[in-house]
């Protein structure tokens, strides 16, 4: 695990680029952006304690969104290889990480289940997804704030990729 710093405005990840690492925000905040140019939409804001890029820890591949630093931001970063090695050493933490992925999948399934192309416009569905993501981000931020410094360090040692989180 290594720590990396970004300045406000820096693009941390670009949608479509190959990825094999995940990031835990230890300081600062980022925006999650889908689309390019005039079609780019901010779909979420993530702060301290949030994780992004976690799909690449199970299956490296193209990034699903662009991540841009809103403020000066510090992240702990772990690679696919490091994560796979840690699964064998600490399976309980791996289970927590997988719960993060399941939480996000459930959120998307809930939004998709509400889709009725005959009645709802895409913008309304997008707003519902944003609200769901914001609620999950708030819950994660509150959980992170309640952790002791020692508990935060333990999570940072595992990059927090094994924790309950957003995205």
Foldseek 3Di string as FASTA:
>chain_A
DDKDKDAAFDWPAAFFDWAFKKKAWQAAKKFWWADDDPPIDGLEIAGHGAMPPLVNLVPIGGHRTIIGTRHTTMIQMDGNVRLVVVCVVDVLLQQQLVVQVVLAVVLVVVLVVPDDPVPDDPVVSSVSSSVSQVVQNVVSVVVVVPDDPVRVVVCVVSRVSSHRHGD
